[in-house]
PDB file of N, CA and C in Angstrom:
ATOM      1  N   MET A   1     -22.147  17.334  19.386  1.00  0.00           N
ATOM      2  CA  MET A   1     -21.447  17.431  18.120  1.00  0.00           C
ATOM      3  C   MET A   1     -19.942  17.330  18.317  1.00  0.00           C
ATOM      4  N   GLY A   2     -19.454  17.889  19.415  1.00  0.00           N
ATOM      5  CA  GLY A   2     -18.025  17.825  19.706  1.00  0.00           C
ATOM      6  C   GLY A   2     -17.567  16.402  19.987  1.00  0.00           C
ATOM      7  N   ARG A   3     -18.430  15.637  20.655  1.00  0.00           N
ATOM      8  CA  ARG A   3     -18.074  14.242  20.949  1.00  0.00           C
ATOM      9  C   ARG A   3     -17.989  13.424  19.670  1.00  0.00           C
ATOM     10  N   LEU A   4     -18.878  13.701  18.745  1.00  0.00           N
ATOM     11  CA  LEU A   4     -18.874  12.989  17.462  1.00  0.00           C
ATOM     12  C   LEU A   4     -17.605  13.304  16.682  1.00  0.00           C
ATOM     13  N   LEU A   5     -17.202  14.552  16.669  1.00  0.00           N
ATOM     14  CA  LEU A   5     -15.986  14.956  15.970  1.00  0.00           C
ATOM     15  C   LEU A   5     -14.762  14.325  16.608  1.00  0.00           C
ATOM     16  N   LYS A   6     -14.709  14.303  17.942  1.00  0.00           N
ATOM     17  CA  LYS A   6     -13.589  13.672  18.645  1.00  0.00           C
ATOM     18  C   LYS A   6     -13.542  12.175  18.361  1.00  0.00           C
ATOM     19  N   ALA A   7     -14.707  11.537  18.324  1.00  0.00           N
ATOM     20  CA  ALA A   7     -14.757  10.100  18.035  1.00  0.00           C
ATOM     21  C   ALA A   7     -14.284   9.819  16.613  1.00  0.00           C
ATOM     22  N   LEU A   8     -14.670  10.670  15.672  1.00  0.00           N
ATOM     23  CA  LEU A   8     -14.256  10.494  14.287  1.00  0.00           C
ATOM     24  C   LEU A   8     -12.746  10.663  14.134  1.00  0.00           C
ATOM     25  N   ILE A   9     -12.196  11.676  14.770  1.00  0.00           N
ATOM     26  CA  ILE A   9     -10.744  11.887  14.727  1.00  0.00           C
ATOM     27  C   ILE A   9     -10.020  10.724  15.378  1.00  0.00           C
ATOM     28  N   PHE A  10     -10.545  10.247  16.487  1.00  0.00           N
ATOM     29  CA  PHE A  10      -9.937   9.103  17.167  1.00  0.00           C
ATOM     30  C   PHE A  10      -9.944   7.865  16.263  1.00  0.00           C
ATOM     31  N   LEU A  11     -11.064   7.598  15.600  1.00  0.00           N
ATOM     32  CA  LEU A  11     -11.141   6.443  14.702  1.00  0.00           C
ATOM     33  C   LEU A  11     -10.193   6.593  13.514  1.00  0.00           C
ATOM     34  N   LEU A  12     -10.048   7.792  12.999  1.00  0.00           N
ATOM     35  CA  LEU A  12      -9.106   8.013  11.901  1.00  0.00           C
ATOM     36  C   LEU A  12      -7.665   7.753  12.338  1.00  0.00           C
ATOM     37  N   VAL A  13      -7.310   8.220  13.525  1.00  0.00           N
ATOM     38  CA  VAL A  13      -5.952   8.010  14.034  1.00  0.00           C
ATOM     39  C   VAL A  13      -5.706   6.532  14.294  1.00  0.00           C
ATOM     40  N   VAL A  14      -6.661   5.854  14.912  1.00  0.00           N
ATOM     41  CA  VAL A  14      -6.503   4.426  15.190  1.00  0.00           C
ATOM     42  C   VAL A  14      -6.423   3.631  13.881  1.00  0.00           C
ATOM     43  N   GLY A  15      -7.226   4.004  12.900  1.00  0.00           N
ATOM     44  CA  GLY A  15      -7.176   3.321  11.602  1.00  0.00           C
ATOM     45  C   GLY A  15      -5.845   3.522  10.903  1.00  0.00           C
ATOM     46  N   PHE A  16      -5.311   4.738  10.963  1.00  0.00           N
ATOM     47  CA  PHE A  16      -4.015   5.020  10.342  1.00  0.00           C
ATOM     48  C   PHE A  16      -2.903   4.232  11.027  1.00  0.00           C
ATOM     49  N   VAL A  17      -2.915   4.218  12.356  1.00  0.00           N
ATOM     50  CA  VAL A  17      -1.899   3.461  13.095  1.00  0.00           C
ATOM     51  C   VAL A  17      -2.025   1.970  12.792  1.00  0.00           C
ATOM     52  N   GLY A  18      -3.250   1.466  12.699  1.00  0.00           N
ATOM     53  CA  GLY A  18      -3.452   0.056  12.354  1.00  0.00           C
ATOM     54  C   GLY A  18      -2.956  -0.274  10.961  1.00  0.00           C
ATOM     55  N   LEU A  19      -3.195   0.607  10.021  1.00  0.00           N
ATOM     56  CA  LEU A  19      -2.740   0.377   8.648  1.00  0.00           C
ATOM     57  C   LEU A  19      -1.222   0.383   8.553  1.00  0.00           C
ATOM     58  N   VAL A  20      -0.586   1.320   9.224  1.00  0.00           N
ATOM     59  CA  VAL A  20       0.879   1.382   9.230  1.00  0.00           C
ATOM     60  C   VAL A  20       1.446   0.155   9.938  1.00  0.00           C
ATOM     61  N   GLY A  21       0.833  -0.240  11.034  1.00  0.00           N
ATOM     62  CA  GLY A  21       1.283  -1.444  11.744  1.00  0.00           C
ATOM     63  C   GLY A  21       1.150  -2.679  10.883  1.00  0.00           C
ATOM     64  N   TYR A  22       0.061  -2.805  10.158  1.00  0.00           N
ATOM     65  CA  TYR A  22      -0.133  -3.961   9.285  1.00  0.00           C
ATOM     66  C   TYR A  22       0.894  -3.968   8.159  1.00  0.00           C
ATOM     67  N   ALA A  23       1.250  -2.796   7.656  1.00  0.00           N
ATOM     68  CA  ALA A  23       2.244  -2.721   6.586  1.00  0.00           C
ATOM     69  C   ALA A  23       3.604  -3.209   7.070  1.00  0.00           C
ATOM     70  N   TYR A  24       3.934  -2.952   8.329  1.00  0.00           N
ATOM     71  CA  TYR A  24       5.224  -3.375   8.857  1.00  0.00           C
ATOM     72  C   TYR A  24       5.206  -4.826   9.339  1.00  0.00           C
ATOM     73  N   VAL A  25       4.108  -5.267   9.936  1.00  0.00           N
ATOM     74  CA  VAL A  25       4.057  -6.595  10.557  1.00  0.00           C
ATOM     75  C   VAL A  25       3.476  -7.635   9.604  1.00  0.00           C
ATOM     76  N   GLY A  26       2.755  -7.222   8.585  1.00  0.00           N
ATOM     77  CA  GLY A  26       2.095  -8.132   7.657  1.00  0.00           C
ATOM     78  C   GLY A  26       3.001  -9.175   7.026  1.00  0.00           C
ATOM     79  N   PRO A  27       4.198  -8.815   6.537  1.00  0.00           N
ATOM     80  CA  PRO A  27       5.062  -9.829   5.914  1.00  0.00           C
ATOM     81  C   PRO A  27       5.480 -10.949   6.864  1.00  0.00           C
ATOM     82  N   PHE A  28       5.501 -10.706   8.164  1.00  0.00           N
ATOM     83  CA  PHE A  28       5.845 -11.763   9.114  1.00  0.00           C
ATOM     84  C   PHE A  28       4.737 -12.805   9.219  1.00  0.00           C
ATOM     85  N   PHE A  29       3.515 -12.429   8.831  1.00  0.00           N
ATOM     86  CA  PHE A  29       2.373 -13.344   8.910  1.00  0.00           C
ATOM     87  C   PHE A  29       1.943 -13.849   7.547  1.00  0.00           C
ATOM     88  N   GLY A  30       2.766 -13.649   6.532  1.00  0.00           N
ATOM     89  CA  GLY A  30       2.492 -14.214   5.214  1.00  0.00           C
ATOM     90  C   GLY A  30       1.813 -13.280   4.237  1.00  0.00           C
ATOM     91  N   ALA A  31       1.601 -12.033   4.582  1.00  0.00           N
ATOM     92  CA  ALA A  31       0.998 -11.089   3.638  1.00  0.00           C
ATOM     93  C   ALA A  31       2.107 -10.539   2.747  1.00  0.00           C
ATOM     94  N   GLU A  32       2.001 -10.771   1.453  1.00  0.00           N
ATOM     95  CA  GLU A  32       3.018 -10.319   0.508  1.00  0.00           C
ATOM     96  C   GLU A  32       2.481  -9.117  -0.248  1.00  0.00           C
ATOM     97  N   PHE A  33       3.163  -7.983  -0.129  1.00  0.00           N
ATOM     98  CA  PHE A  33       2.690  -6.745  -0.731  1.00  0.00           C
ATOM     99  C   PHE A  33       3.368  -6.439  -2.057  1.00  0.00           C
ATOM    100  N   ALA A  34       4.460  -7.091  -2.359  1.00  0.00           N
ATOM    101  CA  ALA A  34       5.184  -6.802  -3.593  1.00  0.00           C
ATOM    102  C   ALA A  34       4.485  -7.486  -4.774  1.00  0.00           C
ATOM    103  N   PRO A  35       4.399  -6.830  -5.914  1.00  0.00           N
ATOM    104  CA  PRO A  35       3.790  -7.461  -7.078  1.00  0.00           C
ATOM    105  C   PRO A  35       4.716  -8.521  -7.663  1.00  0.00           C
ATOM    106  N   ALA A  36       4.131  -9.483  -8.358  1.00  0.00           N
ATOM    107  CA  ALA A  36       4.920 -10.520  -9.017  1.00  0.00           C
ATOM    108  C   ALA A  36       5.739  -9.883 -10.135  1.00  0.00           C
ATOM    109  N   GLN A  37       7.022 -10.196 -10.163  1.00  0.00           N
ATOM    110  CA  GLN A  37       7.894  -9.609 -11.171  1.00  0.00           C
ATOM    111  C   GLN A  37       8.076 -10.592 -12.322  1.00  0.00           C
ATOM    112  N   VAL A  38       7.864 -10.110 -13.517  1.00  0.00           N
ATOM    113  CA  VAL A  38       7.993 -10.928 -14.719  1.00  0.00           C
ATOM    114  C   VAL A  38       8.839 -10.157 -15.711  1.00  0.00           C
ATOM    115  N   GLU A  39       9.843 -10.834 -16.256  1.00  0.00           N
ATOM    116  CA  GLU A  39      10.682 -10.183 -17.263  1.00  0.00           C
ATOM    117  C   GLU A  39       9.977 -10.237 -18.602  1.00  0.00           C
ATOM    118  N   MET A  40       9.878  -9.086 -19.242  1.00  0.00           N
ATOM    119  CA  MET A  40       9.240  -9.017 -20.557  1.00  0.00           C
ATOM    120  C   MET A  40      10.239  -8.436 -21.547  1.00  0.00           C
ATOM    121  N   ARG A  41      10.365  -9.093 -22.686  1.00  0.00           N
ATOM    122  CA  ARG A  41      11.247  -8.600 -23.747  1.00  0.00           C
ATOM    123  C   ARG A  41      10.404  -8.361 -24.983  1.00  0.00           C
ATOM    124  N   GLN A  42      10.610  -7.198 -25.578  1.00  0.00           N
ATOM    125  CA  GLN A  42       9.849  -6.818 -26.754  1.00  0.00           C
ATOM    126  C   GLN A  42      10.811  -6.217 -27.766  1.00  0.00           C
ATOM    127  N   PRO A  43      10.814  -6.724 -28.994  1.00  0.00           N
ATOM    128  CA  PRO A  43      11.725  -6.156 -29.987  1.00  0.00           C
ATOM    129  C   PRO A  43      11.305  -4.746 -30.386  1.00  0.00           C
ATOM    130  N   VAL A  44      12.295  -3.917 -30.588  1.00  0.00           N
ATOM    131  CA  VAL A  44      12.056  -2.523 -30.968  1.00  0.00           C
ATOM    132  C   VAL A  44      12.774  -2.256 -32.280  1.00  0.00           C
ATOM    133  N   THR A  45      12.069  -1.688 -33.223  1.00  0.00           N
ATOM    134  CA  THR A  45      12.659  -1.327 -34.514  1.00  0.00           C
ATOM    135  C   THR A  45      12.901   0.177 -34.534  1.00  0.00           C
ATOM    136  N   LEU A  46      14.161   0.561 -34.708  1.00  0.00           N
ATOM    137  CA  LEU A  46      14.504   1.971 -34.763  1.00  0.00           C
ATOM    138  C   LEU A  46      14.645   2.377 -36.210  1.00  0.00           C
ATOM    139  N   GLU A  47      13.916   3.400 -36.588  1.00  0.00           N
ATOM    140  CA  GLU A  47      13.968   3.871 -37.966  1.00  0.00           C
ATOM    141  C   GLU A  47      14.955   5.030 -38.061  1.00  0.00           C
ATOM    142  N   THR A  48      15.911   4.924 -38.997  1.00  0.00           N
ATOM    143  CA  THR A  48      16.882   5.990 -39.212  1.00  0.00           C
ATOM    144  C   THR A  48      16.736   6.535 -40.627  1.00  0.00           C
ATOM    145  N   ASP A  49      17.055   7.807 -40.787  1.00  0.00           N
ATOM    146  CA  ASP A  49      16.954   8.435 -42.109  1.00  0.00           C
ATOM    147  C   ASP A  49      18.242   8.296 -42.864  1.00  0.00           C
TER     148      ASP A  49
END
């Protein structure tokens, strides 16, 4: 049971390090993480008394 727990913790740590590494190195290989930006304009009517 101890070996299974150690293996699970090891896989979690390796997965976290891989995810962080991909976040930093991904843009160099063409992975774009930023959402597409679109300007939106909407008229607003302000009601005054």
